[in-house]
Amino acid sequence: MKKLLLLLVSVLFFNLSAQKKGKDYTNVIKSNNIYEINAFLRDAHPDDPRRSILKPRVMELMKEYIKNAHPEDQKVKDMQEMLALLRRRPSTKISFDEMNAIIKQKQIAKYKAELAAKQSTAVYTPSTSTNTFVANTTNNTAIPDAEAEEFNMLMAVSPTEHQNRTVKILNSLFDNDPNARECIVLIQNKSDCNIIVRMEGVGTTKYRLAVPSKGESSVVIEKGQYLFTSLVCGAQYASQKTVQRPIMVALGN
């Protein structure tokens, strides 16, 4: 009876702790939602007694999802990575440095493949000035893509220029010297539109990077203070960033 009472008190305490974080896990013990359980395992106290029930459950749910998934399902890879993490640790929560390391290894593999193929592996639909996108207005006004010609020009690099750029990016990815003058910036474009990201630093230091819709691109820049700007499906994006080590910026609709 005492053990049961202690368990109930523990669950109540951890419920209150989770709710303070803005999440309500009151009924999570009944859940079969992979993402909800995964979020609970990420946020919950290490001694929360519900972990012993929910961790095996979510692992079985992930295995079942992978087993029945369509061959082209993009979520399968994410599920496999989460499953691997759960086998090694209490949750899929990873540190900033671990996340950076994962991104770095993926980038190295990508650019090694491009260097071997002697061409870009990016798959994209070229922009045209007649292509339009819908702005976030009350009447959904369609406006032309004013950056179409510039985007296509930036994407159409010569094999030699592409090789030189790829070598520079790989050198930056392998360089662990904190005193290096340059570092890499990775831009993920999660929007439905091709975009150009502009990075304006001190004086005449400027960079521009074309990033296809649903794709990503990288550039090596000098460390320093930058104003990042872009037109994302008609919406203005602007953010000041201090670039002193490799960073990733994700932009969406």
Protein backbone atom coordinates (compact mmCIF):
# COMPACT_ATOMS: atom_id res chain seq x y z
CA MET A 1 0.00 0.00 0.00
CA LYS A 2 2.84 2.36 0.87
CA LYS A 3 4.55 1.62 -2.46
CA LEU A 4 1.33 2.33 -4.36
CA LEU A 5 0.86 5.59 -2.46
CA LEU A 6 4.47 6.58 -3.20
CA LEU A 7 3.97 5.84 -6.92
CA LEU A 8 0.82 7.99 -7.04
CA VAL A 9 2.56 10.87 -5.27
CA SER A 10 5.53 10.58 -7.66
CA VAL A 11 3.28 10.66 -10.72
CA LEU A 12 1.44 13.71 -9.36
CA PHE A 13 4.73 15.49 -8.67
CA PHE A 14 6.09 14.80 -12.15
CA ASN A 15 2.78 15.85 -13.72
CA LEU A 16 3.06 19.20 -11.96
CA SER A 17 6.70 19.55 -13.04
CA ALA A 18 5.84 18.86 -16.68
CA GLN A 19 2.92 21.28 -16.64
CA LYS A 20 5.22 24.02 -15.38
CA LYS A 21 7.13 23.58 -18.63
CA GLY A 22 3.96 24.33 -20.58
CA LYS A 23 3.20 20.70 -21.47
CA ASP A 24 0.31 18.66 -20.08
CA TYR A 25 1.24 14.98 -19.81
CA THR A 26 -1.68 14.06 -17.53
CA ASN A 27 -2.97 11.37 -19.90
CA VAL A 28 0.29 10.42 -21.58
CA ILE A 29 0.23 6.97 -19.96
CA LYS A 30 -2.74 6.13 -22.25
CA SER A 31 -1.14 7.59 -25.37
CA ASN A 32 -0.10 5.72 -28.49
CA ASN A 33 1.15 8.86 -30.22
CA ILE A 34 4.86 8.52 -31.03
CA TYR A 35 5.57 12.24 -30.95
CA GLU A 36 3.66 12.86 -27.70
CA ILE A 37 5.45 10.04 -25.88
CA ASN A 38 8.80 11.11 -27.32
CA ALA A 39 8.18 14.66 -26.06
CA PHE A 40 7.33 13.29 -22.61
CA LEU A 41 10.53 11.22 -22.49
CA ARG A 42 12.46 14.35 -23.47
CA ASP A 43 10.89 16.56 -20.78
CA ALA A 44 10.18 14.20 -17.89
CA HIS A 45 12.33 13.80 -14.80
CA PRO A 46 14.80 10.88 -15.08
CA ASP A 47 13.10 9.12 -12.14
CA ASP A 48 9.53 9.48 -13.44
CA PRO A 49 8.02 5.96 -13.04
CA ARG A 50 6.08 6.30 -16.31
CA ARG A 51 9.33 6.09 -18.26
CA SER A 52 9.57 2.33 -17.67
CA ILE A 53 6.19 1.88 -19.38
CA LEU A 54 6.34 4.49 -22.13
CA LYS A 55 9.86 3.99 -23.44
CA PRO A 56 9.28 0.32 -24.48
CA ARG A 57 5.87 1.31 -25.88
CA VAL A 58 7.18 4.08 -28.11
CA MET A 59 10.00 1.84 -29.36
CA GLU A 60 7.45 -0.79 -30.40
CA LEU A 61 5.33 1.91 -32.08
CA MET A 62 8.37 3.11 -34.03
CA LYS A 63 9.25 -0.43 -35.13
CA GLU A 64 5.65 -0.97 -36.27
CA TYR A 65 5.65 2.34 -38.19
CA ILE A 66 8.92 1.47 -39.97
CA LYS A 67 7.63 -2.02 -40.81
CA ASN A 68 4.42 -0.75 -42.44
CA ALA A 69 5.76 2.47 -43.98
CA HIS A 70 5.79 3.21 -47.71
CA PRO A 71 9.28 2.77 -49.27
CA GLU A 72 9.47 6.51 -50.02
CA ASP A 73 8.19 7.68 -46.62
CA GLN A 74 10.54 10.47 -45.50
CA LYS A 75 9.71 9.87 -41.82
CA VAL A 76 11.28 6.41 -41.77
CA LYS A 77 14.83 7.75 -41.51
CA ASP A 78 13.83 10.01 -38.61
CA MET A 79 12.14 7.08 -36.86
CA GLN A 80 15.24 4.92 -37.29
CA GLU A 81 17.45 7.64 -35.82
CA MET A 82 15.11 8.14 -32.85
CA LEU A 83 14.96 4.40 -32.27
CA ALA A 84 18.75 4.16 -32.26
CA LEU A 85 18.96 6.99 -29.71
CA LEU A 86 16.36 5.37 -27.44
CA ARG A 87 18.34 2.12 -27.43
CA ARG A 88 21.38 4.01 -26.12
CA ARG A 89 19.77 6.49 -23.70
CA PRO A 90 16.59 7.38 -21.76
CA SER A 91 15.25 9.73 -24.46
CA THR A 92 15.97 11.20 -27.91
CA LYS A 93 17.01 14.54 -26.40
CA ILE A 94 20.46 15.55 -27.62
CA SER A 95 22.72 18.43 -26.79
CA PHE A 96 23.49 21.36 -29.10
CA ASP A 97 26.99 19.99 -29.71
CA GLU A 98 25.62 16.53 -30.54
CA MET A 99 23.13 18.06 -32.98
CA ASN A 100 25.93 20.04 -34.63
CA ALA A 101 28.02 16.88 -34.94
CA ILE A 102 25.16 15.02 -36.66
CA ILE A 103 24.57 17.90 -39.08
CA LYS A 104 28.31 18.10 -39.75
CA GLN A 105 28.60 14.40 -40.64
CA LYS A 106 25.60 14.63 -42.98
CA GLN A 107 27.14 17.64 -44.70
CA ILE A 108 30.51 15.91 -45.09
CA ALA A 109 28.82 12.88 -46.69
CA LYS A 110 26.81 15.13 -49.03
CA TYR A 111 29.76 17.19 -50.27
CA LYS A 112 32.05 14.17 -50.60
CA ALA A 113 29.43 12.65 -52.91
CA GLU A 114 29.24 15.88 -54.92
CA LEU A 115 33.01 16.04 -55.21
CA ALA A 116 33.11 12.45 -56.47
CA ALA A 117 30.29 13.13 -58.95
CA LYS A 118 31.91 16.42 -60.03
CA GLN A 119 28.51 18.10 -59.99
CA SER A 120 25.82 19.30 -57.62
CA THR A 121 23.37 16.72 -56.32
CA ALA A 122 20.72 19.40 -55.70
CA VAL A 123 17.36 18.66 -57.32
CA TYR A 124 15.26 21.77 -57.91
CA THR A 125 12.79 23.46 -60.23
CA PRO A 126 14.30 26.58 -61.86
CA SER A 127 12.51 29.83 -61.11
CA THR A 128 10.85 31.91 -63.83
CA SER A 129 9.64 35.49 -63.65
CA THR A 130 6.14 34.28 -64.50
CA ASN A 131 6.12 31.89 -61.54
CA THR A 132 4.10 33.45 -58.76
CA PHE A 133 3.63 32.74 -55.12
CA VAL A 134 0.81 33.72 -52.83
CA ALA A 135 1.54 36.46 -50.36
CA ASN A 136 0.05 36.43 -46.88
CA THR A 137 -2.68 38.94 -47.61
CA THR A 138 -6.40 38.91 -46.99
CA ASN A 139 -7.20 38.47 -50.67
CA ASN A 140 -4.30 36.08 -51.41
CA THR A 141 -2.76 38.37 -54.01
CA ALA A 142 -0.28 36.60 -56.26
CA ILE A 143 2.99 38.47 -56.84
CA PRO A 144 5.78 37.69 -59.33
CA ASP A 145 9.10 36.18 -58.37
CA ALA A 146 11.44 39.17 -58.74
CA GLU A 147 14.54 37.11 -57.87
CA ALA A 148 14.01 34.36 -60.46
CA GLU A 149 16.83 35.37 -62.82
CA GLU A 150 19.30 35.91 -59.98
CA PHE A 151 18.40 32.58 -58.36
CA ASN A 152 18.93 30.65 -61.60
CA MET A 153 22.26 32.43 -62.19
CA LEU A 154 23.51 31.50 -58.70
CA MET A 155 22.46 27.86 -59.14
CA ALA A 156 24.05 27.52 -62.60
CA VAL A 157 27.70 27.38 -61.53
CA SER A 158 30.37 25.84 -63.73
CA PRO A 159 31.83 22.40 -62.80
CA THR A 160 35.15 24.05 -61.88
CA GLU A 161 33.49 26.69 -59.69
CA HIS A 162 31.33 24.02 -58.05
CA GLN A 163 34.38 21.86 -57.32
CA ASN A 164 36.29 24.79 -55.80
CA ARG A 165 33.31 25.71 -53.64
CA THR A 166 32.81 22.09 -52.52
CA VAL A 167 36.48 21.73 -51.55
CA LYS A 168 36.26 24.97 -49.53
CA ILE A 169 33.15 23.75 -47.70
CA LEU A 170 34.73 20.36 -46.94
CA ASN A 171 37.89 22.02 -45.65
CA SER A 172 35.74 24.15 -43.34
CA LEU A 173 33.78 21.13 -42.12
CA PHE A 174 36.98 19.27 -41.26
CA ASP A 175 38.63 22.31 -39.67
CA ASN A 176 38.27 22.21 -35.88
CA ASP A 177 40.53 25.21 -35.24
CA PRO A 178 38.60 27.72 -33.07
CA ASN A 179 40.94 30.48 -34.31
CA ALA A 180 40.01 29.97 -37.97
CA ARG A 181 38.93 33.18 -39.73
CA GLU A 182 36.05 31.50 -41.55
CA CYS A 183 33.25 29.07 -40.75
CA ILE A 184 30.32 27.44 -42.48
CA VAL A 185 26.67 28.56 -42.57
CA LEU A 186 24.00 26.00 -43.47
CA ILE A 187 20.61 27.27 -44.67
CA GLN A 188 17.60 24.95 -44.70
CA ASN A 189 14.72 26.11 -46.89
CA LYS A 190 11.52 24.46 -45.69
CA SER A 191 9.29 26.74 -47.75
CA ASP A 192 7.52 26.09 -51.06
CA CYS A 193 9.60 28.74 -52.86
CA ASN A 194 13.15 29.05 -54.16
CA ILE A 195 14.95 31.71 -52.12
CA ILE A 196 18.14 33.75 -51.93
CA VAL A 197 19.61 34.40 -48.49
CA ARG A 198 21.75 37.53 -48.25
CA MET A 199 24.35 37.97 -45.51
CA GLU A 200 25.63 41.53 -45.11
CA GLY A 201 28.57 42.15 -42.80
CA VAL A 202 30.83 45.08 -42.00
CA GLY A 203 31.91 47.29 -44.91
CA THR A 204 31.77 45.52 -48.25
CA THR A 205 31.58 41.98 -46.81
CA LYS A 206 28.53 40.44 -48.43
CA TYR A 207 27.41 36.94 -49.37
CA ARG A 208 24.36 35.55 -51.14
CA LEU A 209 23.24 31.95 -51.23
CA ALA A 210 20.56 30.39 -53.43
CA VAL A 211 18.57 27.69 -51.64
CA PRO A 212 16.02 25.58 -53.56
CA SER A 213 12.56 24.91 -52.18
CA LYS A 214 12.61 22.06 -49.62
CA GLY A 215 16.40 21.95 -49.94
CA GLU A 216 19.52 23.20 -48.23
CA SER A 217 22.77 24.94 -49.17
CA SER A 218 25.98 25.91 -47.40
CA VAL A 219 28.48 28.73 -47.71
CA VAL A 220 31.79 29.51 -46.01
CA ILE A 221 31.92 33.07 -44.67
CA GLU A 222 34.24 35.20 -42.55
CA LYS A 223 33.38 35.23 -38.86
CA GLY A 224 31.65 38.37 -37.63
CA GLN A 225 28.34 40.24 -37.30
CA TYR A 226 25.82 39.80 -40.14
CA LEU A 227 22.36 40.88 -41.15
CA PHE A 228 20.61 37.90 -42.74
CA THR A 229 17.76 38.81 -45.12
CA SER A 230 15.58 36.91 -47.56
CA LEU A 231 12.24 36.92 -49.37
CA VAL A 232 10.46 33.71 -48.36
CA CYS A 233 7.36 33.26 -50.52
CA GLY A 234 6.83 37.01 -50.52
CA ALA A 235 7.45 37.46 -46.78
CA GLN A 236 10.42 39.52 -45.64
CA TYR A 237 12.91 37.73 -43.37
CA ALA A 238 15.58 39.67 -41.48
CA SER A 239 17.75 38.64 -38.53
CA GLN A 240 21.02 39.87 -37.04
CA LYS A 241 23.40 37.02 -36.27
CA THR A 242 26.84 36.71 -34.71
CA VAL A 243 28.74 34.07 -36.66
CA GLN A 244 31.68 32.76 -34.64
CA ARG A 245 31.18 29.04 -35.26
CA PRO A 246 29.22 26.90 -37.73
CA ILE A 247 25.49 27.65 -37.60
CA MET A 248 22.30 26.37 -39.19
CA VAL A 249 19.38 28.62 -40.12
CA ALA A 250 16.00 27.11 -41.04
CA LEU A 251 13.49 29.20 -42.99
CA GLY A 252 9.87 28.25 -43.75
CA ASN A 253 6.63 29.66 -45.16
